[in-house]
């Protein structure tokens, strides 16, 4: 995400959000969300679009991401009709194909109902070789693919406003 944020700074304002500090999901009395969840809920609601960058663990998304999705499906549902792009990097050769597929299924749930960008995946396998020590994506073909994907996502966001 840091590469995307830096590389596309002239095309979009991209804020990286840390979800690791969210409390474990629980049904709160009266639907009053914890402050950490409220803050992120509002940021998502105000955003024109959302980009997910997910690793893949055991053919799925990490538990911290699933926890966040449970919170966001609970009360305000900020992803409803929100344009979403999914990307990911893994150490394995397949990239994050299974995690991305699983995240698509989660975001298609009625309680989330995100507007998922169709037919677009950006998979980076062997992530330890794909980036240099500064976090720059070094494979020129991958950079071109990512640029095309971000251009298409910007169009998708504009169409879904």
Foldseek 3Di string as FASTA:
>chain_A
DVQCCVVCVVPDHDDDDDLPPADQDDDDPPLDGDPVLVVVLVVLLPDLAEEAEAFDDPLEGDPSVVRNLVNCLRPPQSQAQHEYHYEYEYLAPVFNVSHVVRVVVSCVPPSNNHPYDPPDYQGHYNVVPQADPVRHGDDPVSVVSVVVVVVVSVVVSVVSD
